[in-house]
N, C-alpha and C. Protein backbone atom coordinates (compact mmCIF):
# COMPACT_ATOMS: atom_id res chain seq x y z
N MET A 1 55.83 -18.95 43.41
CA MET A 1 55.87 -20.21 42.68
C MET A 1 55.43 -21.33 43.62
N ASN A 2 54.90 -22.33 43.02
CA ASN A 2 54.41 -23.46 43.80
C ASN A 2 55.10 -24.74 43.32
N LEU A 3 56.36 -24.90 43.71
CA LEU A 3 57.13 -26.09 43.34
C LEU A 3 57.25 -27.02 44.54
N SER A 4 57.52 -28.27 44.26
CA SER A 4 57.68 -29.26 45.32
C SER A 4 58.82 -28.86 46.24
N ARG A 5 58.55 -28.86 47.52
CA ARG A 5 59.58 -28.50 48.50
C ARG A 5 60.73 -29.50 48.53
N GLU A 6 60.46 -30.74 48.14
CA GLU A 6 61.48 -31.78 48.18
C GLU A 6 62.65 -31.48 47.24
N ILE A 7 62.39 -30.74 46.19
CA ILE A 7 63.44 -30.39 45.24
C ILE A 7 64.51 -29.54 45.92
N PHE A 8 64.10 -28.76 46.89
CA PHE A 8 64.99 -27.81 47.56
C PHE A 8 65.25 -28.25 49.00
N TRP A 9 65.59 -29.52 49.16
CA TRP A 9 65.77 -30.12 50.48
C TRP A 9 66.89 -29.48 51.28
N ASP A 10 67.85 -28.88 50.62
CA ASP A 10 69.04 -28.39 51.31
C ASP A 10 69.02 -26.89 51.61
N VAL A 11 67.92 -26.22 51.28
CA VAL A 11 67.80 -24.79 51.57
C VAL A 11 66.44 -24.50 52.20
N ASN A 12 66.31 -23.32 52.75
CA ASN A 12 65.03 -22.91 53.31
C ASN A 12 64.13 -22.46 52.16
N TYR A 13 63.13 -23.24 51.85
CA TYR A 13 62.23 -23.00 50.73
C TYR A 13 61.60 -21.60 50.79
N ASP A 14 61.26 -21.17 51.98
CA ASP A 14 60.56 -19.89 52.15
C ASP A 14 61.44 -18.67 51.87
N THR A 15 62.73 -18.85 51.79
CA THR A 15 63.62 -17.71 51.56
C THR A 15 64.25 -17.72 50.16
N ILE A 16 63.80 -18.60 49.29
CA ILE A 16 64.35 -18.65 47.94
C ILE A 16 63.93 -17.40 47.17
N HIS A 17 64.88 -16.77 46.52
CA HIS A 17 64.62 -15.62 45.66
C HIS A 17 64.44 -16.15 44.24
N TRP A 18 63.19 -16.35 43.86
CA TRP A 18 62.86 -17.04 42.60
C TRP A 18 63.41 -16.35 41.37
N GLU A 19 63.39 -15.03 41.34
CA GLU A 19 63.85 -14.31 40.15
C GLU A 19 65.37 -14.16 40.13
N GLU A 20 65.96 -13.88 41.27
CA GLU A 20 67.41 -13.72 41.33
C GLU A 20 68.14 -15.03 41.03
N ASN A 21 67.58 -16.13 41.49
CA ASN A 21 68.23 -17.43 41.37
C ASN A 21 67.55 -18.33 40.35
N TYR A 22 67.00 -17.75 39.30
CA TYR A 22 66.22 -18.53 38.34
C TYR A 22 67.02 -19.66 37.68
N GLN A 23 68.30 -19.43 37.40
CA GLN A 23 69.09 -20.49 36.77
C GLN A 23 69.23 -21.70 37.68
N TRP A 24 69.50 -21.44 38.93
CA TRP A 24 69.64 -22.52 39.91
C TRP A 24 68.30 -23.25 40.08
N VAL A 25 67.21 -22.49 40.20
CA VAL A 25 65.87 -23.08 40.37
C VAL A 25 65.53 -23.94 39.16
N ILE A 26 65.76 -23.44 37.96
CA ILE A 26 65.44 -24.19 36.75
C ILE A 26 66.23 -25.49 36.69
N CYS A 27 67.50 -25.43 37.00
CA CYS A 27 68.32 -26.66 36.97
C CYS A 27 67.84 -27.66 38.01
N ARG A 28 67.44 -27.19 39.18
CA ARG A 28 66.91 -28.09 40.21
C ARG A 28 65.65 -28.79 39.73
N VAL A 29 64.75 -28.01 39.13
CA VAL A 29 63.50 -28.60 38.64
C VAL A 29 63.79 -29.57 37.51
N LEU A 30 64.71 -29.23 36.62
CA LEU A 30 65.04 -30.15 35.52
C LEU A 30 65.58 -31.46 36.04
N GLU A 31 66.42 -31.40 37.04
CA GLU A 31 67.06 -32.62 37.56
C GLU A 31 66.14 -33.43 38.49
N TYR A 32 65.37 -32.76 39.33
CA TYR A 32 64.66 -33.46 40.40
C TYR A 32 63.15 -33.28 40.41
N GLY A 33 62.62 -32.40 39.57
CA GLY A 33 61.20 -32.07 39.62
C GLY A 33 60.28 -33.09 38.97
N SER A 34 59.01 -32.97 39.30
CA SER A 34 57.96 -33.81 38.70
C SER A 34 57.43 -33.12 37.45
N LEU A 35 56.51 -33.77 36.78
CA LEU A 35 55.88 -33.18 35.60
C LEU A 35 55.14 -31.90 35.98
N GLU A 36 54.50 -31.90 37.14
CA GLU A 36 53.80 -30.69 37.60
C GLU A 36 54.79 -29.55 37.87
N ASP A 37 55.95 -29.88 38.43
CA ASP A 37 56.98 -28.87 38.66
C ASP A 37 57.47 -28.30 37.33
N TRP A 38 57.66 -29.18 36.35
CA TRP A 38 58.09 -28.78 35.00
C TRP A 38 57.09 -27.78 34.41
N LYS A 39 55.81 -28.10 34.51
CA LYS A 39 54.77 -27.22 33.95
C LYS A 39 54.76 -25.87 34.66
N GLU A 40 54.85 -25.89 35.97
CA GLU A 40 54.86 -24.65 36.76
C GLU A 40 56.08 -23.79 36.42
N MET A 41 57.25 -24.42 36.33
CA MET A 41 58.48 -23.70 36.02
C MET A 41 58.41 -23.11 34.61
N ARG A 42 57.94 -23.88 33.67
CA ARG A 42 57.87 -23.42 32.28
C ARG A 42 56.88 -22.26 32.14
N LYS A 43 55.77 -22.34 32.86
CA LYS A 43 54.77 -21.26 32.84
C LYS A 43 55.34 -19.98 33.47
N HIS A 44 56.07 -20.15 34.57
CA HIS A 44 56.60 -18.99 35.30
C HIS A 44 57.77 -18.33 34.57
N TYR A 45 58.75 -19.12 34.14
CA TYR A 45 59.97 -18.56 33.55
C TYR A 45 59.94 -18.44 32.03
N GLY A 46 59.18 -19.28 31.37
CA GLY A 46 59.15 -19.28 29.91
C GLY A 46 60.28 -20.09 29.31
N ASP A 47 60.11 -20.44 28.05
CA ASP A 47 61.08 -21.30 27.37
C ASP A 47 62.44 -20.65 27.18
N GLU A 48 62.47 -19.35 26.96
CA GLU A 48 63.74 -18.66 26.73
C GLU A 48 64.68 -18.79 27.92
N LYS A 49 64.18 -18.51 29.13
CA LYS A 49 65.00 -18.64 30.33
C LYS A 49 65.35 -20.09 30.61
N LEU A 50 64.42 -20.99 30.33
CA LEU A 50 64.66 -22.42 30.54
C LEU A 50 65.82 -22.88 29.65
N ILE A 51 65.77 -22.53 28.37
CA ILE A 51 66.82 -22.92 27.42
C ILE A 51 68.15 -22.29 27.81
N GLU A 52 68.13 -21.02 28.17
CA GLU A 52 69.36 -20.33 28.58
C GLU A 52 69.99 -21.03 29.79
N SER A 53 69.18 -21.34 30.78
CA SER A 53 69.70 -21.97 31.99
C SER A 53 70.23 -23.37 31.72
N ALA A 54 69.52 -24.13 30.90
CA ALA A 54 69.94 -25.50 30.61
C ALA A 54 71.22 -25.52 29.79
N THR A 55 71.33 -24.66 28.80
CA THR A 55 72.52 -24.69 27.95
C THR A 55 73.75 -24.10 28.65
N ASN A 56 73.54 -23.26 29.66
CA ASN A 56 74.67 -22.67 30.38
C ASN A 56 75.02 -23.41 31.67
N ALA A 57 74.27 -24.44 32.01
CA ALA A 57 74.52 -25.18 33.25
C ALA A 57 75.89 -25.87 33.22
N ARG A 58 76.58 -25.80 34.33
CA ARG A 58 77.89 -26.45 34.42
C ARG A 58 77.77 -27.96 34.49
N SER A 59 76.65 -28.43 35.03
CA SER A 59 76.45 -29.88 35.09
C SER A 59 74.96 -30.20 35.03
N LEU A 60 74.64 -31.15 34.19
CA LEU A 60 73.31 -31.73 34.09
C LEU A 60 73.52 -33.22 33.85
N SER A 61 72.60 -34.01 34.32
CA SER A 61 72.70 -35.44 34.01
C SER A 61 72.51 -35.63 32.52
N LYS A 62 73.03 -36.71 32.00
CA LYS A 62 72.86 -37.00 30.57
C LYS A 62 71.38 -37.12 30.22
N LYS A 63 70.61 -37.70 31.11
CA LYS A 63 69.18 -37.85 30.88
C LYS A 63 68.50 -36.49 30.74
N THR A 64 68.81 -35.56 31.62
CA THR A 64 68.22 -34.23 31.58
C THR A 64 68.67 -33.48 30.33
N MET A 65 69.95 -33.56 30.02
CA MET A 65 70.47 -32.88 28.85
C MET A 65 69.80 -33.39 27.57
N HIS A 66 69.66 -34.69 27.45
CA HIS A 66 69.02 -35.26 26.27
C HIS A 66 67.52 -34.96 26.21
N PHE A 67 66.89 -34.85 27.37
CA PHE A 67 65.49 -34.47 27.42
C PHE A 67 65.30 -33.07 26.83
N ILE A 68 66.10 -32.11 27.30
CA ILE A 68 66.01 -30.74 26.80
C ILE A 68 66.39 -30.69 25.32
N HIS A 69 67.40 -31.44 24.95
CA HIS A 69 67.83 -31.53 23.55
C HIS A 69 66.67 -31.98 22.67
N ASN A 70 65.92 -32.97 23.10
CA ASN A 70 64.81 -33.50 22.30
C ASN A 70 63.58 -32.59 22.31
N ILE A 71 63.27 -31.99 23.43
CA ILE A 71 62.09 -31.12 23.52
C ILE A 71 62.26 -29.87 22.67
N PHE A 72 63.43 -29.23 22.76
CA PHE A 72 63.64 -27.95 22.09
C PHE A 72 64.53 -28.05 20.84
N GLU A 73 64.96 -29.26 20.49
CA GLU A 73 65.80 -29.50 19.31
C GLU A 73 67.07 -28.64 19.32
N ILE A 74 67.73 -28.65 20.46
CA ILE A 74 68.98 -27.92 20.63
C ILE A 74 70.12 -28.90 20.39
N PRO A 75 71.08 -28.56 19.53
CA PRO A 75 72.22 -29.46 19.32
C PRO A 75 72.97 -29.70 20.64
N LEU A 76 73.41 -30.91 20.86
CA LEU A 76 74.09 -31.25 22.11
C LEU A 76 75.35 -30.40 22.33
N ASN A 77 76.03 -30.04 21.25
CA ASN A 77 77.26 -29.27 21.43
C ASN A 77 77.00 -27.83 21.89
N LYS A 78 75.75 -27.42 21.98
CA LYS A 78 75.39 -26.10 22.50
C LYS A 78 75.30 -26.10 24.03
N PHE A 79 75.31 -27.28 24.63
CA PHE A 79 75.24 -27.39 26.09
C PHE A 79 76.65 -27.26 26.67
N ARG A 80 76.79 -26.35 27.59
CA ARG A 80 78.09 -26.15 28.25
C ARG A 80 78.59 -27.43 28.91
N CYS A 81 77.69 -28.13 29.57
CA CYS A 81 78.09 -29.34 30.29
C CYS A 81 78.44 -30.48 29.34
N TYR A 82 77.98 -30.45 28.12
CA TYR A 82 78.33 -31.47 27.13
C TYR A 82 79.76 -31.27 26.65
N ASN A 83 80.15 -30.03 26.53
CA ASN A 83 81.48 -29.69 26.02
C ASN A 83 82.56 -29.75 27.09
N SER A 84 82.18 -29.72 28.34
CA SER A 84 83.18 -29.75 29.42
C SER A 84 82.80 -30.82 30.43
N THR A 85 82.91 -32.07 30.01
CA THR A 85 82.55 -33.17 30.91
C THR A 85 83.53 -33.25 32.05
N HIS A 86 83.02 -33.61 33.21
CA HIS A 86 83.85 -33.78 34.39
C HIS A 86 84.58 -35.11 34.31
N SER A 87 85.72 -35.16 34.94
CA SER A 87 86.44 -36.42 34.95
C SER A 87 85.64 -37.45 35.75
N ASP A 88 85.68 -38.65 35.32
CA ASP A 88 84.94 -39.73 35.95
C ASP A 88 85.95 -40.76 36.42
N PRO A 89 86.42 -40.64 37.65
CA PRO A 89 87.48 -41.54 38.10
C PRO A 89 87.02 -42.99 38.16
N LEU A 90 87.93 -43.86 37.83
CA LEU A 90 87.66 -45.28 37.90
C LEU A 90 87.74 -45.75 39.35
N HIS A 91 87.24 -46.95 39.58
CA HIS A 91 87.38 -47.53 40.92
C HIS A 91 88.85 -47.74 41.25
N TRP A 92 89.12 -47.70 42.52
CA TRP A 92 90.51 -47.91 42.92
C TRP A 92 90.97 -49.29 42.48
N MET A 93 92.17 -49.34 42.04
CA MET A 93 92.73 -50.63 41.63
C MET A 93 93.73 -51.06 42.71
N TYR A 94 93.54 -52.24 43.25
CA TYR A 94 94.40 -52.72 44.32
C TYR A 94 95.44 -53.64 43.78
């Protein structure tokens, strides 16, 4: 695969197992990738794996989730991260 190395800043790009870690790779591209990364990922993995990874992700930004929702017309309640939102602590009150 030929994805932007910047997406994977915290790991050794040359040792990524693209097929074994496809869910992680897809989520990284969805959150941080460019349009070219999106096209490359979609061509390599296909829409079925992309949808599976996005709907099963434990966390996605609202922007990413709504993007996938609009592209593939997936109901928001089908996203795991939509149904199990993380707590969002308020600022400390003094």
